[in-house]
Structures are given as structure tokens and as C-alpha cells.
Protein backbone atom coordinates (compact mmCIF):
# COMPACT_ATOMS: atom_id res chain seq x y z
CA MET A 1 90.67 -3.48 73.91
CA LYS A 2 87.57 -1.03 74.61
CA PRO A 3 86.81 1.53 71.86
CA HIS A 4 88.07 5.13 73.21
CA ASN A 5 84.77 6.81 74.26
CA ARG A 6 85.64 10.90 73.74
CA ALA A 7 82.11 11.51 75.35
CA SER A 8 83.27 9.99 78.69
CA ALA A 9 86.96 11.30 78.62
CA PRO A 10 87.37 14.44 80.86
CA GLN A 11 88.09 17.58 79.24
CA ARG A 12 91.41 19.22 79.78
CA ARG A 13 90.85 23.16 81.02
CA ARG A 14 92.73 25.30 78.76
CA GLY A 15 94.92 27.76 80.28
CA LEU A 16 94.92 31.31 79.99
CA THR A 17 96.80 32.69 77.06
CA LEU A 18 99.68 35.38 77.24
CA ILE A 19 97.25 37.91 75.86
CA GLU A 20 94.34 36.91 78.55
CA VAL A 21 97.15 37.09 81.01
CA ILE A 22 98.36 40.82 80.11
CA VAL A 23 94.68 41.96 80.05
CA CYS A 24 93.94 40.74 83.45
CA VAL A 25 97.16 42.26 84.82
CA VAL A 26 96.45 45.74 83.37
CA LEU A 27 92.88 45.24 84.74
CA ALA A 28 94.10 44.75 88.21
CA GLY A 29 96.65 47.67 87.80
CA LEU A 30 93.73 50.17 86.53
CA ALA A 31 91.43 49.10 89.20
CA ALA A 32 94.31 49.63 92.07
CA ALA A 33 94.95 52.77 90.34
CA LEU A 34 91.38 54.17 90.86
CA VAL A 35 91.33 52.60 94.55
CA VAL A 36 94.55 54.21 95.33
CA GLY A 37 93.68 57.40 93.50
CA ALA A 38 90.36 58.23 95.51
CA ALA A 39 91.76 57.33 98.64
CA GLN A 40 95.57 59.65 98.41
CA PRO A 41 93.85 62.99 98.77
CA ARG A 42 92.25 62.14 102.01
CA THR A 43 95.36 60.66 103.27
CA GLN A 44 97.63 63.35 102.05
CA LYS A 45 95.27 65.71 103.68
CA GLU A 46 95.03 64.18 106.76
CA ALA A 47 98.52 64.01 106.75
CA ASN A 48 98.97 67.93 106.03
CA ILE A 49 96.46 68.19 109.11
CA ALA A 50 98.55 66.46 111.20
CA ARG A 51 101.79 68.16 110.34
CA CYS A 52 99.79 71.43 110.89
CA ALA A 53 98.86 70.33 114.25
CA ASN A 54 102.71 69.27 114.72
CA ASN A 55 103.74 72.80 113.87
CA LEU A 56 101.39 74.31 116.72
CA ARG A 57 102.62 72.13 119.14
CA LEU A 58 106.21 73.19 118.46
CA LEU A 59 105.02 76.49 118.68
CA ALA A 60 103.38 76.12 122.11
CA ALA A 61 106.71 74.02 123.25
CA ALA A 62 108.99 76.93 122.43
CA ALA A 63 107.05 79.47 124.20
CA HIS A 64 107.24 76.85 127.21
CA CYS A 65 110.91 77.19 126.51
CA TYR A 66 110.53 80.97 126.36
CA ALA A 67 108.65 80.96 130.05
CA ASP A 68 111.79 78.94 131.60
CA ASP A 69 114.14 81.41 130.82
CA PHE A 70 111.53 84.47 131.49
CA LYS A 71 109.92 84.39 134.40
CA GLU A 72 106.85 82.39 133.36
CA LYS A 73 105.85 84.63 130.88
CA PHE A 74 105.16 83.51 127.18
CA PHE A 75 106.44 85.44 124.23
CA TYR A 76 106.51 89.06 124.27
CA ASN A 77 103.96 90.16 121.62
CA TRP A 78 103.22 93.85 121.12
CA GLU A 79 103.10 94.40 117.75
CA SER A 80 101.00 97.29 117.38
CA ALA A 81 103.84 99.46 119.71
CA LEU A 82 104.79 100.94 116.60
CA TRP A 83 101.99 102.52 115.89
CA ILE A 84 99.83 103.29 119.07
CA THR A 85 102.61 105.38 120.58
CA GLY A 86 102.03 108.17 117.56
CA LYS A 87 105.29 108.02 116.35
CA ILE A 88 108.07 105.25 114.67
CA GLU A 89 109.65 103.36 117.72
CA PRO A 90 110.80 100.18 116.03
CA GLN A 91 112.78 99.24 119.06
CA ARG A 92 109.00 98.60 120.74
CA ARG A 93 107.78 96.99 118.23
CA LYS A 94 108.22 93.14 119.27
CA ALA A 95 106.34 89.95 117.87
CA TRP A 96 106.40 86.39 119.32
CA TYR A 97 107.69 85.60 115.60
CA ASP A 98 110.98 87.71 115.71
CA ARG A 99 114.30 85.99 115.77
CA ASP A 100 114.98 87.32 119.29
CA ARG A 101 111.77 85.41 120.52
CA VAL A 102 110.94 82.31 119.28
CA GLY A 103 113.74 82.07 116.78
CA SER A 104 115.88 81.76 119.71
CA TYR A 105 114.14 78.23 119.97
CA LEU A 106 113.06 77.75 116.23
CA VAL A 107 114.73 77.84 113.08
CA GLY A 108 113.10 79.79 109.97
CA THR A 109 113.65 82.10 107.44
CA LEU A 110 113.72 86.08 107.81
CA MET A 111 110.95 87.58 105.92
CA TYR A 112 110.79 91.51 104.75
CA ALA A 113 107.74 93.25 103.89
CA GLY A 114 107.06 93.12 99.88
CA ALA A 115 105.95 95.82 97.55
CA GLY A 116 102.45 94.76 98.19
CA ALA A 117 102.47 96.75 101.16
CA LYS A 118 103.70 100.02 99.91
CA GLY A 119 101.59 103.06 99.42
CA THR A 120 98.53 101.15 99.89
CA VAL A 121 97.06 102.72 103.61
CA LYS A 122 93.96 104.71 103.17
CA ASP A 123 93.29 104.69 107.28
CA GLU A 124 93.40 108.37 107.97
CA GLY A 125 94.43 107.85 111.45
CA LEU A 126 98.33 107.19 110.51
CA THR A 127 100.70 109.83 110.05
CA GLU A 128 103.35 110.48 107.21
CA GLU A 129 105.75 108.63 109.44
CA HIS A 130 104.01 106.04 109.54
CA ARG A 131 103.08 106.24 105.98
CA LYS A 132 106.91 106.35 105.28
CA LEU A 133 107.43 103.51 107.28
CA LEU A 134 105.51 101.24 104.98
CA ASN A 135 107.96 102.32 102.14
CA GLN A 136 110.81 101.01 103.82
CA GLN A 137 112.05 97.39 104.00
CA VAL A 138 110.40 96.26 106.97
CA GLU A 139 111.17 93.22 108.87
CA LEU A 140 108.55 90.69 109.52
CA GLY A 141 109.96 88.13 111.48
CA LEU A 142 110.54 84.61 111.07
CA GLY A 143 108.74 82.21 108.69
CA ASP A 144 108.79 78.92 106.73
CA GLY A 145 109.53 75.86 108.15
CA PRO A 146 107.59 75.06 111.11
CA PHE A 147 105.50 78.40 110.79
CA VAL A 148 103.46 77.60 107.82
CA CYS A 149 100.63 74.93 107.26
CA PRO A 150 101.31 72.57 104.68
CA GLU A 151 97.65 73.01 103.76
CA SER A 152 98.54 76.41 103.05
CA LEU A 153 101.90 76.76 100.71
CA ARG A 154 101.32 80.25 99.45
CA ASP A 155 102.14 81.43 103.11
CA SER A 156 105.59 82.13 104.22
CA ARG A 157 103.44 82.12 108.20
CA SER A 158 100.49 80.68 108.74
CA TYR A 159 100.16 80.86 112.74
CA HIS A 160 99.21 83.60 115.32
CA GLN A 161 99.32 83.97 119.14
CA ASN A 162 96.80 84.78 121.21
CA PHE A 163 97.15 88.40 122.09
CA TRP A 164 96.46 88.03 125.80
CA ALA A 165 99.54 85.30 125.87
CA SER A 166 101.85 88.30 125.37
CA GLY A 167 104.47 88.25 128.07
CA ILE A 168 103.76 91.97 129.24
CA GLU A 169 100.74 94.06 130.29
CA ILE A 170 100.42 97.08 127.85
CA PRO A 171 101.42 100.39 129.89
CA GLY A 172 98.92 103.26 130.03
CA LYS A 173 95.79 103.71 128.42
CA VAL A 174 96.14 102.91 124.91
CA GLY A 175 92.67 102.30 123.95
CA PRO A 176 89.14 100.39 124.62
CA GLY A 177 90.29 97.44 122.70
CA TYR A 178 93.17 96.48 125.76
CA THR A 179 89.98 96.13 128.18
CA MET A 180 88.44 93.43 126.08
CA GLY A 181 90.67 90.59 128.17
CA ALA A 182 93.26 90.10 130.60
CA PHE A 183 96.74 88.89 130.23
CA PHE A 184 98.11 85.65 131.27
CA ASP A 185 101.30 83.87 131.76
CA ARG A 186 102.58 80.17 133.00
CA THR A 187 101.36 81.21 136.71
CA ALA A 188 97.63 81.35 135.70
CA THR A 189 95.10 78.71 137.65
CA GLY A 190 91.60 77.63 136.54
CA VAL A 191 90.58 76.37 133.50
CA THR A 192 93.72 76.68 131.87
CA SER A 193 93.60 73.74 129.19
CA LYS A 194 90.82 75.96 127.07
CA LEU A 195 93.50 78.86 127.20
CA MET A 196 94.57 79.44 123.30
CA LEU A 197 98.18 79.87 122.90
CA PHE A 198 98.57 79.89 119.24
CA GLY A 199 96.22 79.27 115.96
CA GLU A 200 95.37 79.15 112.44
CA MET A 201 95.23 82.65 110.90
CA ILE A 202 94.76 84.24 107.53
CA ALA A 203 97.77 85.72 106.21
CA THR A 204 97.37 89.02 105.11
CA GLN A 205 101.05 91.07 104.77
CA PRO A 206 103.12 90.73 101.63
CA THR A 207 106.68 89.58 101.42
CA THR A 208 109.64 90.30 99.22
CA LYS A 209 109.10 86.53 98.46
CA LYS A 210 105.79 86.98 96.98
CA THR A 211 104.09 85.08 99.76
CA LYS A 212 102.11 86.24 102.94
CA VAL A 213 102.64 86.27 106.56
CA THR A 214 100.31 86.75 109.68
CA VAL A 215 100.24 89.57 111.67
CA GLY A 216 101.28 89.00 115.30
CA GLU A 217 98.32 90.27 117.44
CA PHE A 218 94.78 88.68 117.45
CA GLY A 219 92.06 88.60 119.64
CA ARG A 220 92.56 91.87 121.53
CA SER A 221 89.59 93.43 120.21
CA GLY A 222 85.76 92.39 120.13
CA LEU A 223 83.77 90.06 122.06
CA PRO A 224 85.44 86.66 122.59
CA GLY A 225 82.39 85.03 120.30
CA GLU A 226 82.86 87.62 117.70
CA ARG A 227 86.59 86.63 117.11
CA PHE A 228 85.46 83.34 116.32
CA GLY A 229 83.45 84.51 113.68
CA GLY A 230 80.46 86.65 115.09
CA PRO A 231 79.14 90.04 113.49
CA ARG A 232 81.25 92.98 114.13
CA GLN A 233 80.53 96.39 114.94
CA PRO A 234 81.60 99.51 112.56
CA GLY A 235 84.91 100.40 114.09
CA GLU A 236 85.35 98.01 116.60
CA PHE A 237 88.12 96.16 114.81
CA PRO A 238 90.05 98.81 113.28
CA TRP A 239 92.53 97.18 110.77
CA ASN A 240 93.58 98.88 107.86
CA GLU A 241 93.73 97.95 104.18
CA VAL A 242 97.49 96.50 104.33
CA SER A 243 96.79 94.41 107.75
CA PHE A 244 93.58 93.24 106.58
CA PRO A 245 92.12 93.65 102.68
CA LEU A 246 88.93 92.59 103.46
CA LYS A 247 87.77 94.94 105.93
CA GLY A 248 83.80 94.97 106.69
CA GLU A 249 83.84 91.96 104.53
CA HIS A 250 85.20 89.12 106.39
CA PRO A 251 84.03 87.87 109.83
CA THR A 252 87.16 86.89 111.33
CA GLN A 253 90.71 86.52 110.60
CA LEU A 254 90.84 83.04 111.80
CA ASP A 255 91.74 80.63 108.88
CA TYR A 256 88.46 78.60 108.02
CA VAL A 257 89.12 78.02 104.62
CA ARG A 258 92.70 76.63 105.13
CA HIS A 259 91.58 72.65 105.77
CA GLY A 260 88.85 72.46 102.45
CA GLU A 261 85.48 72.21 104.59
CA ASN A 262 84.84 75.65 103.10
CA THR A 263 85.89 77.35 100.08
CA ASP A 264 84.21 81.05 100.97
CA PRO A 265 86.73 83.08 102.93
CA ARG A 266 83.67 84.99 104.10
CA LYS A 267 81.72 82.46 105.97
CA ALA A 268 83.34 81.37 109.25
CA GLU A 269 82.19 78.02 108.23
CA GLY A 270 84.91 75.05 108.85
CA SER A 271 87.89 73.80 111.36
CA VAL A 272 90.76 74.94 112.68
CA ASN A 273 93.71 74.17 114.53
CA PHE A 274 94.75 75.60 118.11
CA ALA A 275 97.26 74.81 120.55
CA TYR A 276 96.67 75.44 123.85
CA PHE A 277 98.49 76.37 127.39
CA ASP A 278 98.98 72.90 128.84
CA GLY A 279 100.41 72.25 125.10
CA HIS A 280 98.08 70.22 123.60
CA VAL A 281 96.72 70.65 120.23
CA ARG A 282 92.62 70.17 118.75
CA ARG A 283 91.19 70.87 115.66
CA ARG A 284 88.10 72.68 116.28
CA ARG A 285 84.90 73.22 114.05
CA HIS A 286 83.31 76.90 114.29
CA THR A 287 80.26 75.01 115.99
CA ASP A 288 82.82 74.28 118.78
CA LEU A 289 83.77 77.53 118.79
CA PHE A 290 80.87 80.05 118.57
CA ASP A 291 77.04 79.93 118.66
CA SER A 292 76.14 80.81 115.35
CA GLU A 293 72.43 82.46 116.24
CA THR A 294 73.65 84.30 119.51
CA HIS A 295 77.44 84.62 117.82
CA ARG A 296 78.58 84.43 121.55
CA SER A 297 80.94 82.03 122.87
CA THR A 298 80.65 78.63 123.25
CA TYR A 299 83.75 78.68 126.09
CA ASP A 300 85.23 75.96 124.93
CA THR A 301 88.03 77.58 123.65
CA LEU A 302 89.37 81.03 126.05
CA TRP A 303 91.07 83.81 124.39
CA SER A 304 91.63 85.04 128.35
CA LEU A 305 89.62 84.56 131.53
CA ARG A 306 87.94 87.31 131.35
CA ASP A 307 85.68 85.68 128.65
CA PHE A 308 83.01 84.62 130.94
CA ALA A 309 82.40 88.04 132.26
CA LEU A 310 82.62 89.79 128.70
CA GLU A 311 79.81 88.10 127.49
CA GLU A 312 77.98 88.41 130.73
CA TYR A 313 78.30 84.73 131.57
CA LYS A 314 79.00 82.96 134.98
CA GLU A 315 81.73 80.21 134.89
CA PRO A 316 79.75 76.78 135.81
CA GLU A 317 80.58 75.48 139.14
């Protein structure tokens, strides 16, 4: 019988103890949490941007349903009718977000003007009747639900309709701002795939819910490139302190801050979603929309088919 040789005997591998297994599981869990935690904000932001784009698709679809019912016209959108006539005529103020317009196709919450809108108007052009109106509980149309970008939950309405997509031409001569474009409806021809229907706008009107909503009209004043973020001339954008508190300090009413690429609202830098004439939605950066040196439109996105002529530019053949 040969003596047992301990040196030549195969060594049995010691298994992990229970404590070691627990430590490994904990470390793996921490590593997974770090990875998921790093990826989650980006995933959530992308999901929010996609939901925002879907909201705009719904608004564009509703506008086309409205056009089916109203002789190819998009939503009637003459919010300023209440002011420019020189007297109080609430029945003439009809905006795209009213329950009688988009409310016939999408469900939302009825909004009312909040206390922040009362007694703050300093525009000398307003009459006492106008000032008195702001001290009343003014209906501000629908909000919440599909009217809010999930990246801007402080709002109750985050979007605007392009003024030149309004379903009615402004009667009479009401000011030079109404010559800065051409109204269009669903019978328009040409480069219609570039025509904007809806976009993302800074919400400025306070509501009784302590949120804010967008105004109805945007795009009627200034040159096309200026509306996207170019410099403005004094008096060219007659916004009062109620409709736009950052008067003279903000380059545009488009909300370039909403999706997190820019944190300074006084810089026209970042990206916004737009819904177009044919129903598609695109996310466009400021560099896609206007030239930062000349402040002219790139004509990637059009306010109206007059954009080319307004900036003395001939449309490429």
C-alpha cells in the first residue's frame, strides 16, 4: 500500500461562503442601479419628447377634422379681435383652443384667467374697458391633457397655432402686422409640407389653477426669421406685460428651454417640436430655423407662403 502523498493530491476548490455571495449580489445590484440611474433621465426625456410630438400630431389631426367640417379652413384663431376693435366684443374673440373649436375634437379642462393677470397692464393703448375686462374671470379656453408638453408640467397649455393658419382673413385694415404673411387653408399648394400648423410656445397667461397657458396668436408680427429668434425692432412686437412679461428681453415666444438643451430663456438656442400642414411632426433646432448672423429664416419651416417675399428671397426652382 502506497503512502498517501498530500503534495500530489488534487486540491478541492473552496466555494463561496454565504457572506461572499451576499456581498457579490449587493455589489451587482449597486452596479445595475448606477447604470439604470444614468440611463433613466435620458430615457424619460426621450419619452417626454415623443409624447410632446404625439400631442402635436393630435392637434394637427384635430385641425384637419375641423377643416373637413368647415370648408377646408383650419381653426378660427383671432384672439386679438377683443382688443383691436377698440371696444369690448367677447363674441368676436375666438381662438383655436376654445371648447367650440378644438374642444369639439379633443378633451381638455376649461381654464380661467388667474389673479396674476389682474391690474398689471401698463400699455397706454388699452382703454378702461379693456382694463376692467382683465379684472374679470376671463375664459382662457382648454388646457391640460394633450395640450401640455410633459416636459413643462407647470403649464396647462404649451402649444400655439400659427396665426397664418387661422380659418378667417382679418376684415378691414387693423394694423401693419397683418400684412406680414398670407392666410392659408387646406387648399394651399406649393411647399405646403413646410408650413407650420402648431408649435411649442412659452406659456405666459396665469390661470386660477396657478399654472400658465399659451396665448392663441403667434407669427403675425416681424419678419419670419425674427419670429424664430432674430432681433426685434422697438414697437414691432406690441406685447403688453400681461401677454408677455419679458417684453424687450426675450428674442422669441418659442420655448427653446423646455427640452433641456438651454437653460436661459433669453437665448434663442435649443429645439422645439412643430406640427406641419401635412400632419407630420419634426423636432427642429434653432440652427435649422434661422441664421444666427443674418437673422434671416432658413425657410426650413414656413409661417406662410409669403415668407420668401417678405425677406426678399426668391424660392428655389
